[in-house]
Amino acid sequence: MGFIIKFLLTAVLVYVLGNYLPGAHLAGFTDAILLVVVLAVLNAVLKPILKIIGFPITILTLGLFLLVINALIVGLAAYILPGFKLDGFIAALLFSIVLSIVTAVIDMVVD
């Protein structure tokens, strides 16, 4: 039951972020649900590979390169989904940072 609540809260969060953050454009709530699913799949499949490849850069930047990896994954999700558009890399970076912070808060609250 907690998984469904987290999923729906994340979808609502993504919908709000897509409509109110500058540079992020989301067509509707169904696209928000699809975006959550696509981000989950990309984070499960592609993110570990990118972390291994970018490990030396992550060490040199003291972990800040992980923000770039998150932004790349959000950008790839925007490329895959026609209902989600980003205006550039900065918009993807801002979207990924805010999404990570608020998702962490949701994970702490909903158990």
C-alpha atoms as a PDB file:
ATOM      1  CA  MET A   1       0.000   0.000   0.000  1.00  0.00           C
ATOM      2  CA  GLY A   2       2.886   2.361   0.763  1.00  0.00           C
ATOM      3  CA  PHE A   3       4.300   1.867  -2.743  1.00  0.00           C
ATOM      4  CA  ILE A   4       1.061   3.024  -4.357  1.00  0.00           C
ATOM      5  CA  ILE A   5       0.871   6.079  -2.110  1.00  0.00           C
ATOM      6  CA  LYS A   6       4.491   7.007  -2.873  1.00  0.00           C
ATOM      7  CA  PHE A   7       3.879   6.456  -6.578  1.00  0.00           C
ATOM      8  CA  LEU A   8       0.797   8.691  -6.637  1.00  0.00           C
ATOM      9  CA  LEU A   9       2.435  11.383  -4.492  1.00  0.00           C
ATOM     10  CA  THR A  10       5.452  11.376  -6.783  1.00  0.00           C
ATOM     11  CA  ALA A  11       3.169  11.663  -9.817  1.00  0.00           C
ATOM     12  CA  VAL A  12       1.400  14.653  -8.242  1.00  0.00           C
ATOM     13  CA  LEU A  13       4.772  16.169  -7.396  1.00  0.00           C
ATOM     14  CA  VAL A  14       6.030  15.684 -10.954  1.00  0.00           C
ATOM     15  CA  TYR A  15       2.826  17.251 -12.283  1.00  0.00           C
ATOM     16  CA  VAL A  16       3.292  20.309 -10.058  1.00  0.00           C
ATOM     17  CA  LEU A  17       6.987  20.610 -10.932  1.00  0.00           C
ATOM     18  CA  GLY A  18       6.264  20.252 -14.638  1.00  0.00           C
ATOM     19  CA  ASN A  19       3.753  23.067 -14.530  1.00  0.00           C
ATOM     20  CA  TYR A  20       5.500  25.518 -12.201  1.00  0.00           C
ATOM     21  CA  LEU A  21       9.253  25.153 -12.677  1.00  0.00           C
ATOM     22  CA  PRO A  22      10.674  27.366 -15.393  1.00  0.00           C
ATOM     23  CA  GLY A  23      11.791  25.409 -18.426  1.00  0.00           C
ATOM     24  CA  ALA A  24       9.755  22.275 -17.694  1.00  0.00           C
ATOM     25  CA  HIS A  25       6.500  21.655 -19.559  1.00  0.00           C
ATOM     26  CA  LEU A  26       4.156  18.759 -18.833  1.00  0.00           C
ATOM     27  CA  ALA A  27       1.005  18.116 -20.864  1.00  0.00           C
ATOM     28  CA  GLY A  28      -1.176  16.421 -18.237  1.00  0.00           C
ATOM     29  CA  PHE A  29      -1.446  14.149 -15.250  1.00  0.00           C
ATOM     30  CA  THR A  30      -1.258  10.970 -17.348  1.00  0.00           C
ATOM     31  CA  ASP A  31       2.045  12.217 -18.718  1.00  0.00           C
ATOM     32  CA  ALA A  32       3.192  12.768 -15.115  1.00  0.00           C
ATOM     33  CA  ILE A  33       2.364   9.143 -14.310  1.00  0.00           C
ATOM     34  CA  LEU A  34       4.227   7.974 -17.421  1.00  0.00           C
ATOM     35  CA  LEU A  35       7.180  10.186 -16.498  1.00  0.00           C
ATOM     36  CA  VAL A  36       7.401   8.615 -13.040  1.00  0.00           C
ATOM     37  CA  VAL A  37       7.419   5.144 -14.612  1.00  0.00           C
ATOM     38  CA  VAL A  38      10.031   6.092 -17.228  1.00  0.00           C
ATOM     39  CA  LEU A  39      12.252   7.746 -14.615  1.00  0.00           C
ATOM     40  CA  ALA A  40      12.000   4.655 -12.416  1.00  0.00           C
ATOM     41  CA  VAL A  41      13.032   2.379 -15.284  1.00  0.00           C
ATOM     42  CA  LEU A  42      15.883   4.664 -16.358  1.00  0.00           C
ATOM     43  CA  ASN A  43      17.115   4.978 -12.767  1.00  0.00           C
ATOM     44  CA  ALA A  44      17.038   1.194 -12.356  1.00  0.00           C
ATOM     45  CA  VAL A  45      18.714   0.332 -15.662  1.00  0.00           C
ATOM     46  CA  LEU A  46      20.814   3.245 -16.901  1.00  0.00           C
ATOM     47  CA  LYS A  47      21.897   5.046 -13.735  1.00  0.00           C
ATOM     48  CA  PRO A  48      24.153   2.255 -12.365  1.00  0.00           C
ATOM     49  CA  ILE A  49      25.923   2.040 -15.725  1.00  0.00           C
ATOM     50  CA  LEU A  50      26.456   5.808 -15.849  1.00  0.00           C
ATOM     51  CA  LYS A  51      27.714   5.797 -12.256  1.00  0.00           C
ATOM     52  CA  ILE A  52      30.332   3.170 -13.083  1.00  0.00           C
ATOM     53  CA  ILE A  53      31.444   4.972 -16.236  1.00  0.00           C
ATOM     54  CA  GLY A  54      31.534   8.359 -14.503  1.00  0.00           C
ATOM     55  CA  PHE A  55      33.177   7.150 -11.287  1.00  0.00           C
ATOM     56  CA  PRO A  56      36.536   8.890 -11.904  1.00  0.00           C
ATOM     57  CA  ILE A  57      34.819  12.200 -12.699  1.00  0.00           C
ATOM     58  CA  THR A  58      32.598  11.771  -9.636  1.00  0.00           C
ATOM     59  CA  ILE A  59      35.686  11.366  -7.461  1.00  0.00           C
ATOM     60  CA  LEU A  60      37.328  14.458  -8.985  1.00  0.00           C
ATOM     61  CA  THR A  61      34.218  16.596  -8.512  1.00  0.00           C
ATOM     62  CA  LEU A  62      33.554  15.266  -5.000  1.00  0.00           C
ATOM     63  CA  GLY A  63      30.212  13.788  -6.036  1.00  0.00           C
ATOM     64  CA  LEU A  64      28.799  16.753  -7.946  1.00  0.00           C
ATOM     65  CA  PHE A  65      28.897  14.789 -11.199  1.00  0.00           C
ATOM     66  CA  LEU A  66      25.996  12.714  -9.840  1.00  0.00           C
ATOM     67  CA  LEU A  67      23.824  15.802 -10.332  1.00  0.00           C
ATOM     68  CA  VAL A  68      24.826  15.789 -13.997  1.00  0.00           C
ATOM     69  CA  ILE A  69      23.929  12.097 -14.262  1.00  0.00           C
ATOM     70  CA  ASN A  70      20.501  12.815 -12.746  1.00  0.00           C
ATOM     71  CA  ALA A  71      19.982  15.694 -15.182  1.00  0.00           C
ATOM     72  CA  LEU A  72      20.960  13.449 -18.104  1.00  0.00           C
ATOM     73  CA  ILE A  73      18.414  10.855 -17.031  1.00  0.00           C
ATOM     74  CA  VAL A  74      15.676  13.506 -16.772  1.00  0.00           C
ATOM     75  CA  GLY A  75      16.700  14.828 -20.188  1.00  0.00           C
ATOM     76  CA  LEU A  76      16.518  11.338 -21.651  1.00  0.00           C
ATOM     77  CA  ALA A  77      13.052  10.911 -20.154  1.00  0.00           C
ATOM     78  CA  ALA A  78      12.026  14.196 -21.793  1.00  0.00           C
ATOM     79  CA  TYR A  79      13.361  12.867 -25.090  1.00  0.00           C
ATOM     80  CA  ILE A  80      11.411   9.611 -24.737  1.00  0.00           C
ATOM     81  CA  LEU A  81       8.064  11.089 -23.631  1.00  0.00           C
ATOM     82  CA  PRO A  82       6.313  13.428 -26.065  1.00  0.00           C
ATOM     83  CA  GLY A  83       4.224  15.039 -23.292  1.00  0.00           C
ATOM     84  CA  PHE A  84       7.232  16.227 -21.266  1.00  0.00           C
ATOM     85  CA  LYS A  85       9.522  18.932 -22.600  1.00  0.00           C
ATOM     86  CA  LEU A  86      12.556  20.676 -21.131  1.00  0.00           C
ATOM     87  CA  ASP A  87      14.050  23.916 -22.412  1.00  0.00           C
ATOM     88  CA  GLY A  88      17.648  22.900 -21.778  1.00  0.00           C
ATOM     89  CA  PHE A  89      20.201  21.327 -19.501  1.00  0.00           C
ATOM     90  CA  ILE A  90      19.711  23.867 -16.722  1.00  0.00           C
ATOM     91  CA  ALA A  91      15.977  23.103 -16.660  1.00  0.00           C
ATOM     92  CA  ALA A  92      16.756  19.379 -16.449  1.00  0.00           C
ATOM     93  CA  LEU A  93      19.247  20.020 -13.645  1.00  0.00           C
ATOM     94  CA  LEU A  94      16.787  22.161 -11.689  1.00  0.00           C
ATOM     95  CA  PHE A  95      13.980  19.629 -12.212  1.00  0.00           C
ATOM     96  CA  SER A  96      16.152  16.728 -11.060  1.00  0.00           C
ATOM     97  CA  ILE A  97      17.422  18.558  -7.961  1.00  0.00           C
ATOM     98  CA  VAL A  98      13.966  19.635  -6.806  1.00  0.00           C
ATOM     99  CA  LEU A  99      12.503  16.220  -7.604  1.00  0.00           C
ATOM    100  CA  SER A 100      15.249  14.470  -5.615  1.00  0.00           C
ATOM    101  CA  ILE A 101      14.800  16.700  -2.576  1.00  0.00           C
ATOM    102  CA  VAL A 102      11.021  16.453  -2.431  1.00  0.00           C
ATOM    103  CA  THR A 103      11.035  12.715  -3.169  1.00  0.00           C
ATOM    104  CA  ALA A 104      13.424  12.235  -0.240  1.00  0.00           C
ATOM    105  CA  VAL A 105      10.996  14.110   1.988  1.00  0.00           C
ATOM    106  CA  ILE A 106       8.106  11.957   0.739  1.00  0.00           C
ATOM    107  CA  ASP A 107      10.135   8.818   1.454  1.00  0.00           C
ATOM    108  CA  MET A 108      10.780   9.971   5.018  1.00  0.00           C
ATOM    109  CA  VAL A 109       7.148  10.869   5.672  1.00  0.00           C
ATOM    110  CA  VAL A 110       5.401   7.921   3.972  1.00  0.00           C
ATOM    111  CA  ASP A 111       6.682   4.647   5.345  1.00  0.00           C
END
